[in-house]
Amino acid sequence: MKRATVLLVLTVAGVLGGCENMSSGQKGAVAGGALGTGIGLATGGSFGTVVGAGLIGGAVGYIGGTAVGNSR
């Protein structure tokens, strides 16, 4: 479990490192989608659960990223 968490964090950091030309909302969507999918995988969910968690995480990340971008 701990190894999966470390790999997830490193993957998210790598993906976000390549997001230089993205808006705050887009960065939040990528991070939220990756985090949601990783949590779904780590908990041993079915394929539908993992995909749903990724979609929900992406939506929440986009909303949060947009809010952060608008507050600057």
Protein backbone atom coordinates (compact mmCIF):
# COMPACT_ATOMS: atom_id res chain seq x y z
CA MET A 1 0.00 0.00 0.00
CA LYS A 2 2.79 2.41 0.92
CA ARG A 3 4.64 1.62 -2.30
CA ALA A 4 1.52 2.32 -4.36
CA THR A 5 1.10 5.67 -2.63
CA VAL A 6 4.69 6.68 -3.34
CA LEU A 7 4.34 5.68 -7.00
CA LEU A 8 1.10 7.64 -7.26
CA VAL A 9 2.67 10.78 -5.83
CA LEU A 10 5.66 10.51 -8.17
CA THR A 11 3.37 9.99 -11.16
CA VAL A 12 1.24 13.00 -10.29
CA ALA A 13 4.36 15.13 -9.83
CA GLY A 14 5.66 14.02 -13.22
CA VAL A 15 2.39 14.75 -14.98
CA LEU A 16 2.05 18.16 -13.37
CA GLY A 17 5.61 18.99 -14.34
CA GLY A 18 4.57 18.81 -17.98
CA CYS A 19 1.63 21.19 -17.54
CA GLU A 20 3.47 24.44 -18.12
CA ASN A 21 1.09 25.90 -20.72
CA MET A 22 -2.15 24.82 -19.04
CA SER A 23 -4.66 26.95 -17.16
CA SER A 24 -5.20 26.45 -13.43
CA GLY A 25 -8.48 24.63 -14.14
CA GLN A 26 -6.80 22.22 -16.55
CA LYS A 27 -3.98 21.51 -14.09
CA GLY A 28 -6.53 20.85 -11.37
CA ALA A 29 -8.45 18.48 -13.65
CA VAL A 30 -5.31 16.48 -14.46
CA ALA A 31 -4.30 16.27 -10.80
CA GLY A 32 -7.81 15.44 -9.61
CA GLY A 33 -8.29 12.78 -12.27
CA ALA A 34 -4.98 11.14 -11.45
CA LEU A 35 -5.66 11.28 -7.74
CA GLY A 36 -9.18 9.90 -8.08
CA THR A 37 -8.02 7.07 -10.33
CA GLY A 38 -5.14 6.25 -8.00
CA ILE A 39 -7.41 6.13 -4.99
CA GLY A 40 -9.84 3.90 -6.88
CA LEU A 41 -7.01 1.54 -7.82
CA ALA A 42 -5.48 1.52 -4.34
CA THR A 43 -8.79 0.56 -2.75
CA GLY A 44 -9.18 -2.33 -5.17
CA GLY A 45 -12.30 -1.03 -6.89
CA SER A 46 -13.79 -2.51 -10.03
CA PHE A 47 -13.13 -0.96 -13.44
CA GLY A 48 -16.30 1.13 -13.27
CA THR A 49 -15.45 2.41 -9.80
CA VAL A 50 -11.93 3.40 -10.86
CA VAL A 51 -13.16 5.22 -13.97
CA GLY A 52 -15.90 6.96 -11.98
CA ALA A 53 -13.43 8.06 -9.33
CA GLY A 54 -11.15 9.48 -12.02
CA LEU A 55 -14.00 11.40 -13.64
CA ILE A 56 -15.26 12.79 -10.35
CA GLY A 57 -11.71 13.71 -9.29
CA GLY A 58 -11.14 15.47 -12.61
CA ALA A 59 -14.35 17.48 -12.28
CA VAL A 60 -13.62 18.52 -8.71
CA GLY A 61 -10.02 19.36 -9.65
CA TYR A 62 -11.18 21.53 -12.54
CA ILE A 63 -13.60 23.46 -10.33
CA GLY A 64 -10.94 23.93 -7.64
CA GLY A 65 -8.27 24.94 -10.12
CA THR A 66 -10.56 27.44 -11.77
CA ALA A 67 -11.45 28.94 -8.38
CA VAL A 68 -7.77 29.28 -7.51
CA GLY A 69 -7.03 30.82 -10.92
CA ASN A 70 -9.83 33.36 -10.54
CA SER A 71 -8.73 34.41 -7.06
CA ARG A 72 -5.30 35.56 -8.25
